[in-house]
Amino acid sequence: METAIRRVDCPSCSSVVRESLAWLAANPHYAKRFVKAVGERCRDSTIKSVAAEFSLGWHTVKEIDQEYMRDQMRKAGHPAPGKLGVDEISIEKGHHYRVVVSDLERRRAIWFGGGQEGS
């Protein structure tokens, strides 16, 4: 689907700005719903498998997942941990891992990621 984004003159700053559309993600090539769908799948699967599922490149899925996580962090607020821990945990045999980011002072997980297939 293609959508025309209008350019308008801003009366307050006298510059030309693009119209903002609430349903577009930060990357204007994707809708927010699509970014959410890809990001949610990345929580349960590897980037490689999500890329195959959506017929996207690995780097594209990685960028979309990062955008999804930025949005999730914005919604959750800032936990402001003093000490962070990042680790990978094995979820099954065959080098399948999940990434865990933890607040070490409060002893709680902050985020779980899809992880990578090992080498």
PDB file of N, CA and C in Angstrom:
ATOM      1  N   MET A   1       0.842  -1.173   0.000  1.00  0.00           N
ATOM      2  CA  MET A   1       0.000   0.000   0.000  1.00  0.00           C
ATOM      3  C   MET A   1       0.886   1.235   0.000  1.00  0.00           C
ATOM      4  N   GLU A   2       0.536   2.193  -0.813  1.00  0.00           N
ATOM      5  CA  GLU A   2       1.278   3.447  -0.846  1.00  0.00           C
ATOM      6  C   GLU A   2       0.379   4.565  -0.346  1.00  0.00           C
ATOM      7  N   THR A   3       0.963   5.479   0.374  1.00  0.00           N
ATOM      8  CA  THR A   3       0.237   6.625   0.912  1.00  0.00           C
ATOM      9  C   THR A   3       1.044   7.880   0.622  1.00  0.00           C
ATOM     10  N   ALA A   4       0.373   8.892   0.161  1.00  0.00           N
ATOM     11  CA  ALA A   4       1.043  10.171  -0.076  1.00  0.00           C
ATOM     12  C   ALA A   4       1.152  10.923   1.242  1.00  0.00           C
ATOM     13  N   ILE A   5       2.331  11.374   1.539  1.00  0.00           N
ATOM     14  CA  ILE A   5       2.550  12.184   2.736  1.00  0.00           C
ATOM     15  C   ILE A   5       2.722  13.621   2.269  1.00  0.00           C
ATOM     16  N   ARG A   6       1.837  14.447   2.732  1.00  0.00           N
ATOM     17  CA  ARG A   6       1.856  15.841   2.282  1.00  0.00           C
ATOM     18  C   ARG A   6       2.955  16.632   2.971  1.00  0.00           C
ATOM     19  N   ARG A   7       3.488  17.582   2.240  1.00  0.00           N
ATOM     20  CA  ARG A   7       4.449  18.542   2.785  1.00  0.00           C
ATOM     21  C   ARG A   7       3.690  19.851   2.960  1.00  0.00           C
ATOM     22  N   VAL A   8       3.796  20.440   4.126  1.00  0.00           N
ATOM     23  CA  VAL A   8       3.029  21.653   4.423  1.00  0.00           C
ATOM     24  C   VAL A   8       3.950  22.739   4.966  1.00  0.00           C
ATOM     25  N   ASP A   9       3.543  23.976   4.753  1.00  0.00           N
ATOM     26  CA  ASP A   9       4.262  25.116   5.316  1.00  0.00           C
ATOM     27  C   ASP A   9       3.850  25.282   6.768  1.00  0.00           C
ATOM     28  N   CYS A  10       4.823  25.328   7.651  1.00  0.00           N
ATOM     29  CA  CYS A  10       4.547  25.529   9.073  1.00  0.00           C
ATOM     30  C   CYS A  10       4.453  27.029   9.329  1.00  0.00           C
ATOM     31  N   PRO A  11       3.286  27.514   9.787  1.00  0.00           N
ATOM     32  CA  PRO A  11       3.142  28.952   9.997  1.00  0.00           C
ATOM     33  C   PRO A  11       3.977  29.490  11.165  1.00  0.00           C
ATOM     34  N   SER A  12       4.278  28.647  12.141  1.00  0.00           N
ATOM     35  CA  SER A  12       5.004  29.152  13.305  1.00  0.00           C
ATOM     36  C   SER A  12       6.511  29.258  13.068  1.00  0.00           C
ATOM     37  N   CYS A  13       7.086  28.310  12.279  1.00  0.00           N
ATOM     38  CA  CYS A  13       8.539  28.361  12.082  1.00  0.00           C
ATOM     39  C   CYS A  13       8.926  28.666  10.637  1.00  0.00           C
ATOM     40  N   SER A  14       7.961  28.861   9.766  1.00  0.00           N
ATOM     41  CA  SER A  14       8.180  29.209   8.359  1.00  0.00           C
ATOM     42  C   SER A  14       9.022  28.191   7.587  1.00  0.00           C
ATOM     43  N   SER A  15       8.927  26.926   7.972  1.00  0.00           N
ATOM     44  CA  SER A  15       9.647  25.890   7.236  1.00  0.00           C
ATOM     45  C   SER A  15       8.648  24.887   6.663  1.00  0.00           C
ATOM     46  N   VAL A  16       9.117  24.055   5.783  1.00  0.00           N
ATOM     47  CA  VAL A  16       8.281  23.030   5.185  1.00  0.00           C
ATOM     48  C   VAL A  16       8.486  21.738   5.980  1.00  0.00           C
ATOM     49  N   VAL A  17       7.398  21.165   6.465  1.00  0.00           N
ATOM     50  CA  VAL A  17       7.462  19.933   7.251  1.00  0.00           C
ATOM     51  C   VAL A  17       6.574  18.874   6.621  1.00  0.00           C
ATOM     52  N   ARG A  18       6.884  17.602   6.924  1.00  0.00           N
ATOM     53  CA  ARG A  18       6.050  16.514   6.429  1.00  0.00           C
ATOM     54  C   ARG A  18       4.908  16.258   7.391  1.00  0.00           C
ATOM     55  N   GLU A  19       3.784  15.901   6.828  1.00  0.00           N
ATOM     56  CA  GLU A  19       2.610  15.535   7.611  1.00  0.00           C
ATOM     57  C   GLU A  19       2.944  14.284   8.425  1.00  0.00           C
ATOM     58  N   SER A  20       2.512  14.252   9.686  1.00  0.00           N
ATOM     59  CA  SER A  20       2.737  13.051  10.488  1.00  0.00           C
ATOM     60  C   SER A  20       1.465  12.209  10.479  1.00  0.00           C
ATOM     61  N   LEU A  21       1.651  10.907  10.304  1.00  0.00           N
ATOM     62  CA  LEU A  21       0.536   9.976  10.297  1.00  0.00           C
ATOM     63  C   LEU A  21       0.688   9.063  11.501  1.00  0.00           C
ATOM     64  N   ALA A  22      -0.321   9.021  12.360  1.00  0.00           N
ATOM     65  CA  ALA A  22      -0.235   8.294  13.624  1.00  0.00           C
ATOM     66  C   ALA A  22       0.013   6.801  13.447  1.00  0.00           C
ATOM     67  N   TRP A  23      -0.396   6.237  12.358  1.00  0.00           N
ATOM     68  CA  TRP A  23      -0.262   4.792  12.169  1.00  0.00           C
ATOM     69  C   TRP A  23       1.085   4.382  11.591  1.00  0.00           C
ATOM     70  N   LEU A  24       1.916   5.362  11.191  1.00  0.00           N
ATOM     71  CA  LEU A  24       3.239   5.032  10.664  1.00  0.00           C
ATOM     72  C   LEU A  24       4.242   4.870  11.800  1.00  0.00           C
ATOM     73  N   ALA A  25       5.146   3.921  11.640  1.00  0.00           N
ATOM     74  CA  ALA A  25       6.213   3.717  12.614  1.00  0.00           C
ATOM     75  C   ALA A  25       7.282   4.796  12.420  1.00  0.00           C
ATOM     76  N   ALA A  26       8.303   4.774  13.248  1.00  0.00           N
ATOM     77  CA  ALA A  26       9.384   5.752  13.115  1.00  0.00           C
ATOM     78  C   ALA A  26      10.047   5.636  11.748  1.00  0.00           C
ATOM     79  N   ASN A  27      10.177   4.407  11.264  1.00  0.00           N
ATOM     80  CA  ASN A  27      10.642   4.184   9.892  1.00  0.00           C
ATOM     81  C   ASN A  27       9.408   4.238   9.010  1.00  0.00           C
ATOM     82  N   PRO A  28       9.267   5.236   8.157  1.00  0.00           N
ATOM     83  CA  PRO A  28       8.013   5.418   7.414  1.00  0.00           C
ATOM     84  C   PRO A  28       7.706   4.329   6.393  1.00  0.00           C
ATOM     85  N   HIS A  29       8.582   3.342   6.261  1.00  0.00           N
ATOM     86  CA  HIS A  29       8.316   2.239   5.340  1.00  0.00           C
ATOM     87  C   HIS A  29       7.374   1.201   5.957  1.00  0.00           C
ATOM     88  N   TYR A  30       7.109   1.296   7.259  1.00  0.00           N
ATOM     89  CA  TYR A  30       6.317   0.285   7.955  1.00  0.00           C
ATOM     90  C   TYR A  30       5.214   0.923   8.794  1.00  0.00           C
ATOM     91  N   ALA A  31       4.105   0.212   8.890  1.00  0.00           N
ATOM     92  CA  ALA A  31       3.021   0.624   9.783  1.00  0.00           C
ATOM     93  C   ALA A  31       3.357   0.147  11.199  1.00  0.00           C
ATOM     94  N   LYS A  32       2.850   0.829  12.212  1.00  0.00           N
ATOM     95  CA  LYS A  32       3.096   0.456  13.598  1.00  0.00           C
ATOM     96  C   LYS A  32       2.627  -0.969  13.885  1.00  0.00           C
ATOM     97  N   ARG A  33       1.499  -1.371  13.289  1.00  0.00           N
ATOM     98  CA  ARG A  33       0.980  -2.727  13.507  1.00  0.00           C
ATOM     99  C   ARG A  33       1.959  -3.780  12.995  1.00  0.00           C
ATOM    100  N   PHE A  34       2.605  -3.515  11.870  1.00  0.00           N
ATOM    101  CA  PHE A  34       3.577  -4.453  11.323  1.00  0.00           C
ATOM    102  C   PHE A  34       4.802  -4.536  12.219  1.00  0.00           C
ATOM    103  N   VAL A  35       5.291  -3.387  12.685  1.00  0.00           N
ATOM    104  CA  VAL A  35       6.442  -3.356  13.585  1.00  0.00           C
ATOM    105  C   VAL A  35       6.119  -4.136  14.858  1.00  0.00           C
ATOM    106  N   LYS A  36       4.911  -3.973  15.364  1.00  0.00           N
ATOM    107  CA  LYS A  36       4.488  -4.691  16.576  1.00  0.00           C
ATOM    108  C   LYS A  36       4.452  -6.194  16.321  1.00  0.00           C
ATOM    109  N   ALA A  37       3.905  -6.619  15.185  1.00  0.00           N
ATOM    110  CA  ALA A  37       3.821  -8.045  14.864  1.00  0.00           C
ATOM    111  C   ALA A  37       5.207  -8.670  14.763  1.00  0.00           C
ATOM    112  N   VAL A  38       6.118  -8.005  14.063  1.00  0.00           N
ATOM    113  CA  VAL A  38       7.479  -8.518  13.917  1.00  0.00           C
ATOM    114  C   VAL A  38       8.189  -8.523  15.273  1.00  0.00           C
ATOM    115  N   GLY A  39       8.060  -7.435  16.031  1.00  0.00           N
ATOM    116  CA  GLY A  39       8.706  -7.347  17.344  1.00  0.00           C
ATOM    117  C   GLY A  39       8.223  -8.411  18.310  1.00  0.00           C
ATOM    118  N   GLU A  40       6.927  -8.683  18.307  1.00  0.00           N
ATOM    119  CA  GLU A  40       6.386  -9.718  19.194  1.00  0.00           C
ATOM    120  C   GLU A  40       6.893 -11.099  18.797  1.00  0.00           C
ATOM    121  N   ARG A  41       7.033 -11.356  17.507  1.00  0.00           N
ATOM    122  CA  ARG A  41       7.572 -12.642  17.060  1.00  0.00           C
ATOM    123  C   ARG A  41       9.044 -12.775  17.449  1.00  0.00           C
ATOM    124  N   CYS A  42       9.765 -11.658  17.433  1.00  0.00           N
ATOM    125  CA  CYS A  42      11.181 -11.696  17.811  1.00  0.00           C
ATOM    126  C   CYS A  42      11.358 -12.036  19.284  1.00  0.00           C
ATOM    127  N   ARG A  43      10.347 -11.813  20.088  1.00  0.00           N
ATOM    128  CA  ARG A  43      10.437 -12.164  21.502  1.00  0.00           C
ATOM    129  C   ARG A  43      10.427 -13.674  21.696  1.00  0.00           C
ATOM    130  N   ASP A  44       9.817 -14.399  20.745  1.00  0.00           N
ATOM    131  CA  ASP A  44       9.668 -15.848  20.870  1.00  0.00           C
ATOM    132  C   ASP A  44      10.571 -16.643  19.946  1.00  0.00           C
ATOM    133  N   SER A  45      11.158 -16.003  18.955  1.00  0.00           N
ATOM    134  CA  SER A  45      11.916 -16.717  17.923  1.00  0.00           C
ATOM    135  C   SER A  45      13.226 -15.997  17.622  1.00  0.00           C
ATOM    136  N   THR A  46      14.048 -16.666  16.856  1.00  0.00           N
ATOM    137  CA  THR A  46      15.299 -16.046  16.420  1.00  0.00           C
ATOM    138  C   THR A  46      15.007 -15.066  15.288  1.00  0.00           C
ATOM    139  N   ILE A  47      15.912 -14.146  15.090  1.00  0.00           N
ATOM    140  CA  ILE A  47      15.769 -13.175  14.009  1.00  0.00           C
ATOM    141  C   ILE A  47      15.743 -13.902  12.667  1.00  0.00           C
ATOM    142  N   LYS A  48      16.548 -14.927  12.542  1.00  0.00           N
ATOM    143  CA  LYS A  48      16.605 -15.697  11.300  1.00  0.00           C
ATOM    144  C   LYS A  48      15.253 -16.324  10.969  1.00  0.00           C
ATOM    145  N   SER A  49      14.579 -16.921  11.948  1.00  0.00           N
ATOM    146  CA  SER A  49      13.282 -17.559  11.680  1.00  0.00           C
ATOM    147  C   SER A  49      12.185 -16.525  11.431  1.00  0.00           C
ATOM    148  N   VAL A  50      12.240 -15.374  12.115  1.00  0.00           N
ATOM    149  CA  VAL A  50      11.253 -14.316  11.877  1.00  0.00           C
ATOM    150  C   VAL A  50      11.448 -13.739  10.475  1.00  0.00           C
ATOM    151  N   ALA A  51      12.688 -13.589  10.051  1.00  0.00           N
ATOM    152  CA  ALA A  51      12.969 -13.086   8.701  1.00  0.00           C
ATOM    153  C   ALA A  51      12.380 -14.027   7.653  1.00  0.00           C
ATOM    154  N   ALA A  52      12.527 -15.317   7.862  1.00  0.00           N
ATOM    155  CA  ALA A  52      11.959 -16.293   6.917  1.00  0.00           C
ATOM    156  C   ALA A  52      10.433 -16.248   6.939  1.00  0.00           C
ATOM    157  N   GLU A  53       9.860 -16.133   8.119  1.00  0.00           N
ATOM    158  CA  GLU A  53       8.401 -16.099   8.254  1.00  0.00           C
ATOM    159  C   GLU A  53       7.785 -14.900   7.542  1.00  0.00           C
ATOM    160  N   PHE A  54       8.413 -13.738   7.635  1.00  0.00           N
ATOM    161  CA  PHE A  54       7.878 -12.518   7.038  1.00  0.00           C
ATOM    162  C   PHE A  54       8.494 -12.203   5.664  1.00  0.00           C
ATOM    163  N   SER A  55       9.358 -13.077   5.187  1.00  0.00           N
ATOM    164  CA  SER A  55      10.055 -12.884   3.904  1.00  0.00           C
ATOM    165  C   SER A  55      10.814 -11.556   3.879  1.00  0.00           C
ATOM    166  N   LEU A  56      11.585 -11.326   4.932  1.00  0.00           N
ATOM    167  CA  LEU A  56      12.387 -10.118   5.068  1.00  0.00           C
ATOM    168  C   LEU A  56      13.845 -10.510   5.258  1.00  0.00           C
ATOM    169  N   GLY A  57      14.728  -9.565   5.058  1.00  0.00           N
ATOM    170  CA  GLY A  57      16.141  -9.789   5.314  1.00  0.00           C
ATOM    171  C   GLY A  57      16.435  -9.758   6.805  1.00  0.00           C
ATOM    172  N   TRP A  58      17.532 -10.424   7.204  1.00  0.00           N
ATOM    173  CA  TRP A  58      17.913 -10.491   8.607  1.00  0.00           C
ATOM    174  C   TRP A  58      18.103  -9.087   9.181  1.00  0.00           C
ATOM    175  N   HIS A  59      18.813  -8.215   8.452  1.00  0.00           N
ATOM    176  CA  HIS A  59      19.086  -6.858   8.946  1.00  0.00           C
ATOM    177  C   HIS A  59      17.801  -6.043   9.069  1.00  0.00           C
ATOM    178  N   THR A  60      16.859  -6.257   8.159  1.00  0.00           N
ATOM    179  CA  THR A  60      15.574  -5.549   8.236  1.00  0.00           C
ATOM    180  C   THR A  60      14.830  -5.943   9.497  1.00  0.00           C
ATOM    181  N   VAL A  61      14.785  -7.240   9.794  1.00  0.00           N
ATOM    182  CA  VAL A  61      14.108  -7.709  11.009  1.00  0.00           C
ATOM    183  C   VAL A  61      14.806  -7.156  12.245  1.00  0.00           C
ATOM    184  N   LYS A  62      16.125  -7.116  12.226  1.00  0.00           N
ATOM    185  CA  LYS A  62      16.877  -6.579  13.365  1.00  0.00           C
ATOM    186  C   LYS A  62      16.526  -5.109  13.602  1.00  0.00           C
ATOM    187  N   GLU A  63      16.448  -4.313  12.528  1.00  0.00           N
ATOM    188  CA  GLU A  63      16.083  -2.894  12.655  1.00  0.00           C
ATOM    189  C   GLU A  63      14.658  -2.740  13.183  1.00  0.00           C
ATOM    190  N   ILE A  64      13.732  -3.551  12.667  1.00  0.00           N
ATOM    191  CA  ILE A  64      12.341  -3.473  13.118  1.00  0.00           C
ATOM    192  C   ILE A  64      12.250  -3.874  14.580  1.00  0.00           C
ATOM    193  N   ASP A  65      12.984  -4.913  14.986  1.00  0.00           N
ATOM    194  CA  ASP A  65      12.968  -5.346  16.386  1.00  0.00           C
ATOM    195  C   ASP A  65      13.519  -4.250  17.295  1.00  0.00           C
ATOM    196  N   GLN A  66      14.567  -3.573  16.858  1.00  0.00           N
ATOM    197  CA  GLN A  66      15.110  -2.476  17.666  1.00  0.00           C
ATOM    198  C   GLN A  66      14.105  -1.352  17.805  1.00  0.00           C
ATOM    199  N   GLU A  67      13.382  -1.038  16.736  1.00  0.00           N
ATOM    200  CA  GLU A  67      12.350  -0.008  16.816  1.00  0.00           C
ATOM    201  C   GLU A  67      11.240  -0.429  17.779  1.00  0.00           C
ATOM    202  N   TYR A  68      10.843  -1.700  17.693  1.00  0.00           N
ATOM    203  CA  TYR A  68       9.816  -2.237  18.598  1.00  0.00           C
ATOM    204  C   TYR A  68      10.271  -2.116  20.054  1.00  0.00           C
ATOM    205  N   MET A  69      11.527  -2.472  20.314  1.00  0.00           N
ATOM    206  CA  MET A  69      12.022  -2.412  21.690  1.00  0.00           C
ATOM    207  C   MET A  69      12.137  -0.973  22.194  1.00  0.00           C
ATOM    208  N   ARG A  70      12.519  -0.044  21.328  1.00  0.00           N
ATOM    209  CA  ARG A  70      12.549   1.374  21.738  1.00  0.00           C
ATOM    210  C   ARG A  70      11.152   1.832  22.150  1.00  0.00           C
ATOM    211  N   ASP A  71      10.146   1.409  21.382  1.00  0.00           N
ATOM    212  CA  ASP A  71       8.768   1.766  21.700  1.00  0.00           C
ATOM    213  C   ASP A  71       8.331   1.130  23.020  1.00  0.00           C
ATOM    214  N   GLN A  72       8.716  -0.120  23.240  1.00  0.00           N
ATOM    215  CA  GLN A  72       8.373  -0.806  24.491  1.00  0.00           C
ATOM    216  C   GLN A  72       9.030  -0.118  25.681  1.00  0.00           C
ATOM    217  N   MET A  73      10.275   0.282  25.520  1.00  0.00           N
ATOM    218  CA  MET A  73      10.977   0.969  26.609  1.00  0.00           C
ATOM    219  C   MET A  73      10.360   2.343  26.887  1.00  0.00           C
ATOM    220  N   ARG A  74       9.935   3.032  25.828  1.00  0.00           N
ATOM    221  CA  ARG A  74       9.283   4.328  26.009  1.00  0.00           C
ATOM    222  C   ARG A  74       7.986   4.162  26.798  1.00  0.00           C
ATOM    223  N   LYS A  75       7.216   3.130  26.488  1.00  0.00           N
ATOM    224  CA  LYS A  75       5.951   2.884  27.182  1.00  0.00           C
ATOM    225  C   LYS A  75       6.168   2.470  28.631  1.00  0.00           C
ATOM    226  N   ALA A  76       7.224   1.704  28.881  1.00  0.00           N
ATOM    227  CA  ALA A  76       7.476   1.188  30.230  1.00  0.00           C
ATOM    228  C   ALA A  76       8.117   2.227  31.144  1.00  0.00           C
ATOM    229  N   GLY A  77       8.659   3.271  30.567  1.00  0.00           N
ATOM    230  CA  GLY A  77       9.373   4.255  31.373  1.00  0.00           C
ATOM    231  C   GLY A  77      10.802   3.807  31.589  1.00  0.00           C
ATOM    232  N   HIS A  78      11.510   4.529  32.390  1.00  0.00           N
ATOM    233  CA  HIS A  78      12.912   4.220  32.620  1.00  0.00           C
ATOM    234  C   HIS A  78      13.072   3.497  33.950  1.00  0.00           C
ATOM    235  N   PRO A  79      13.491   2.230  33.928  1.00  0.00           N
ATOM    236  CA  PRO A  79      13.684   1.517  35.179  1.00  0.00           C
ATOM    237  C   PRO A  79      14.870   2.043  35.975  1.00  0.00           C
ATOM    238  N   ALA A  80      15.773   2.753  35.304  1.00  0.00           N
ATOM    239  CA  ALA A  80      16.948   3.375  35.929  1.00  0.00           C
ATOM    240  C   ALA A  80      17.745   2.419  36.802  1.00  0.00           C
ATOM    241  N   PRO A  81      18.105   1.254  36.279  1.00  0.00           N
ATOM    242  CA  PRO A  81      18.939   0.363  37.084  1.00  0.00           C
ATOM    243  C   PRO A  81      20.356   0.894  37.197  1.00  0.00           C
ATOM    244  N   GLY A  82      20.960   0.661  38.326  1.00  0.00           N
ATOM    245  CA  GLY A  82      22.340   1.063  38.517  1.00  0.00           C
ATOM    246  C   GLY A  82      23.312   0.066  37.910  1.00  0.00           C
ATOM    247  N   LYS A  83      22.926  -1.219  37.936  1.00  0.00           N
ATOM    248  CA  LYS A  83      23.778  -2.274  37.393  1.00  0.00           C
ATOM    249  C   LYS A  83      22.931  -3.176  36.502  1.00  0.00           C
ATOM    250  N   LEU A  84      23.373  -3.358  35.265  1.00  0.00           N
ATOM    251  CA  LEU A  84      22.687  -4.225  34.313  1.00  0.00           C
ATOM    252  C   LEU A  84      23.466  -5.509  34.122  1.00  0.00           C
ATOM    253  N   GLY A  85      22.729  -6.582  33.925  1.00  0.00           N
ATOM    254  CA  GLY A  85      23.339  -7.852  33.563  1.00  0.00           C
ATOM    255  C   GLY A  85      22.753  -8.321  32.254  1.00  0.00           C
ATOM    256  N   VAL A  86      23.587  -8.780  31.333  1.00  0.00           N
ATOM    257  CA  VAL A  86      23.131  -9.300  30.045  1.00  0.00           C
ATOM    258  C   VAL A  86      23.689 -10.707  29.921  1.00  0.00           C
ATOM    259  N   ASP A  87      22.802 -11.645  29.620  1.00  0.00           N
ATOM    260  CA  ASP A  87      23.236 -13.027  29.509  1.00  0.00           C
ATOM    261  C   ASP A  87      22.391 -13.744  28.479  1.00  0.00           C
ATOM    262  N   GLU A  88      22.887 -14.872  28.005  1.00  0.00           N
ATOM    263  CA  GLU A  88      22.125 -15.736  27.122  1.00  0.00           C
ATOM    264  C   GLU A  88      21.825 -17.006  27.895  1.00  0.00           C
ATOM    265  N   ILE A  89      20.584 -17.472  27.790  1.00  0.00           N
ATOM    266  CA  ILE A  89      20.223 -18.734  28.419  1.00  0.00           C
ATOM    267  C   ILE A  89      19.813 -19.714  27.327  1.00  0.00           C
ATOM    268  N   SER A  90      20.157 -20.961  27.521  1.00  0.00           N
ATOM    269  CA  SER A  90      19.821 -21.996  26.548  1.00  0.00           C
ATOM    270  C   SER A  90      18.354 -22.366  26.729  1.00  0.00           C
ATOM    271  N   ILE A  91      17.602 -22.410  25.609  1.00  0.00           N
ATOM    272  CA  ILE A  91      16.188 -22.768  25.711  1.00  0.00           C
ATOM    273  C   ILE A  91      15.917 -24.176  25.180  1.00  0.00           C
ATOM    274  N   GLU A  92      16.874 -24.732  24.433  1.00  0.00           N
ATOM    275  CA  GLU A  92      16.767 -26.114  23.987  1.00  0.00           C
ATOM    276  C   GLU A  92      18.109 -26.544  23.424  1.00  0.00           C
ATOM    277  N   LYS A  93      18.259 -27.844  23.215  1.00  0.00           N
ATOM    278  CA  LYS A  93      19.507 -28.354  22.646  1.00  0.00           C
ATOM    279  C   LYS A  93      19.691 -27.830  21.231  1.00  0.00           C
ATOM    280  N   GLY A  94      20.937 -27.773  20.793  1.00  0.00           N
ATOM    281  CA  GLY A  94      21.217 -27.329  19.434  1.00  0.00           C
ATOM    282  C   GLY A  94      21.577 -25.870  19.351  1.00  0.00           C
ATOM    283  N   HIS A  95      22.056 -25.288  20.424  1.00  0.00           N
ATOM    284  CA  HIS A  95      22.494 -23.895  20.444  1.00  0.00           C
ATOM    285  C   HIS A  95      21.368 -22.906  20.151  1.00  0.00           C
ATOM    286  N   HIS A  96      20.265 -23.023  20.853  1.00  0.00           N
ATOM    287  CA  HIS A  96      19.168 -22.059  20.761  1.00  0.00           C
ATOM    288  C   HIS A  96      19.129 -21.290  22.082  1.00  0.00           C
ATOM    289  N   TYR A  97      19.303 -19.977  21.991  1.00  0.00           N
ATOM    290  CA  TYR A  97      19.448 -19.147  23.179  1.00  0.00           C
ATOM    291  C   TYR A  97      18.419 -18.033  23.216  1.00  0.00           C
ATOM    292  N   ARG A  98      18.167 -17.506  24.412  1.00  0.00           N
ATOM    293  CA  ARG A  98      17.386 -16.292  24.619  1.00  0.00           C
ATOM    294  C   ARG A  98      18.289 -15.300  25.348  1.00  0.00           C
ATOM    295  N   VAL A  99      18.150 -14.029  25.023  1.00  0.00           N
ATOM    296  CA  VAL A  99      18.923 -12.980  25.683  1.00  0.00           C
ATOM    297  C   VAL A  99      18.083 -12.459  26.850  1.00  0.00           C
ATOM    298  N   VAL A 100      18.718 -12.302  28.004  1.00  0.00           N
ATOM    299  CA  VAL A 100      18.039 -11.781  29.188  1.00  0.00           C
ATOM    300  C   VAL A 100      18.807 -10.560  29.677  1.00  0.00           C
ATOM    301  N   VAL A 101      18.103  -9.448  29.842  1.00  0.00           N
ATOM    302  CA  VAL A 101      18.693  -8.241  30.428  1.00  0.00           C
ATOM    303  C   VAL A 101      18.064  -8.081  31.804  1.00  0.00           C
ATOM    304  N   SER A 102      18.896  -7.959  32.837  1.00  0.00           N
ATOM    305  CA  SER A 102      18.400  -7.925  34.213  1.00  0.00           C
ATOM    306  C   SER A 102      18.887  -6.698  34.965  1.00  0.00           C
ATOM    307  N   ASP A 103      18.064  -6.247  35.897  1.00  0.00           N
ATOM    308  CA  ASP A 103      18.444  -5.223  36.863  1.00  0.00           C
ATOM    309  C   ASP A 103      19.068  -5.990  38.021  1.00  0.00           C
ATOM    310  N   LEU A 104      20.382  -5.907  38.177  1.00  0.00           N
ATOM    311  CA  LEU A 104      21.081  -6.714  39.175  1.00  0.00           C
ATOM    312  C   LEU A 104      20.806  -6.256  40.606  1.00  0.00           C
ATOM    313  N   GLU A 105      20.501  -4.984  40.799  1.00  0.00           N
ATOM    314  CA  GLU A 105      20.233  -4.491  42.147  1.00  0.00           C
ATOM    315  C   GLU A 105      18.853  -4.932  42.644  1.00  0.00           C
ATOM    316  N   ARG A 106      17.851  -4.880  41.764  1.00  0.00           N
ATOM    317  CA  ARG A 106      16.492  -5.281  42.147  1.00  0.00           C
ATOM    318  C   ARG A 106      16.249  -6.778  41.944  1.00  0.00           C
ATOM    319  N   ARG A 107      17.226  -7.435  41.322  1.00  0.00           N
ATOM    320  CA  ARG A 107      17.159  -8.876  41.054  1.00  0.00           C
ATOM    321  C   ARG A 107      15.907  -9.255  40.269  1.00  0.00           C
ATOM    322  N   ARG A 108      15.726  -8.553  39.135  1.00  0.00           N
ATOM    323  CA  ARG A 108      14.581  -8.881  38.276  1.00  0.00           C
ATOM    324  C   ARG A 108      14.957  -8.684  36.821  1.00  0.00           C
ATOM    325  N   ALA A 109      14.326  -9.487  35.980  1.00  0.00           N
ATOM    326  CA  ALA A 109      14.560  -9.373  34.551  1.00  0.00           C
ATOM    327  C   ALA A 109      13.850  -8.139  34.015  1.00  0.00           C
ATOM    328  N   ILE A 110      14.484  -7.434  33.104  1.00  0.00           N
ATOM    329  CA  ILE A 110      13.902  -6.264  32.480  1.00  0.00           C
ATOM    330  C   ILE A 110      13.394  -6.617  31.096  1.00  0.00           C
ATOM    331  N   TRP A 111      14.120  -7.494  30.377  1.00  0.00           N
ATOM    332  CA  TRP A 111      13.750  -7.802  28.991  1.00  0.00           C
ATOM    333  C   TRP A 111      14.263  -9.177  28.601  1.00  0.00           C
ATOM    334  N   PHE A 112      13.451  -9.895  27.819  1.00  0.00           N
ATOM    335  CA  PHE A 112      13.848 -11.167  27.216  1.00  0.00           C
ATOM    336  C   PHE A 112      13.817 -10.998  25.714  1.00  0.00           C
ATOM    337  N   GLY A 113      14.835 -11.466  25.026  1.00  0.00           N
ATOM    338  CA  GLY A 113      14.882 -11.357  23.576  1.00  0.00           C
ATOM    339  C   GLY A 113      14.943 -12.716  22.921  1.00  0.00           C
ATOM    340  N   GLY A 114      14.728 -12.716  21.597  1.00  0.00           N
ATOM    341  CA  GLY A 114      14.702 -13.950  20.835  1.00  0.00           C
ATOM    342  C   GLY A 114      16.039 -14.666  20.804  1.00  0.00           C
ATOM    343  N   GLY A 115      17.107 -13.917  20.845  1.00  0.00           N
ATOM    344  CA  GLY A 115      18.417 -14.530  20.848  1.00  0.00           C
ATOM    345  C   GLY A 115      18.898 -14.898  19.460  1.00  0.00           C
ATOM    346  N   GLN A 116      19.956 -15.631  19.406  1.00  0.00           N
ATOM    347  CA  GLN A 116      20.615 -16.004  18.164  1.00  0.00           C
ATOM    348  C   GLN A 116      20.795 -17.509  18.119  1.00  0.00           C
ATOM    349  N   GLU A 117      20.857 -18.046  16.901  1.00  0.00           N
ATOM    350  CA  GLU A 117      21.254 -19.429  16.763  1.00  0.00           C
ATOM    351  C   GLU A 117      22.772 -19.460  16.837  1.00  0.00           C
ATOM    352  N   GLY A 118      23.270 -20.341  17.638  1.00  0.00           N
ATOM    353  CA  GLY A 118      24.715 -20.379  17.888  1.00  0.00           C
ATOM    354  C   GLY A 118      25.492 -20.926  16.706  1.00  0.00           C
ATOM    355  N   SER A 119      26.794 -20.829  16.828  1.00  0.00           N
ATOM    356  CA  SER A 119      27.667 -21.324  15.757  1.00  0.00           C
ATOM    357  C   SER A 119      28.114 -22.727  16.061  1.00  0.00           C
TER     358      SER A 119
END
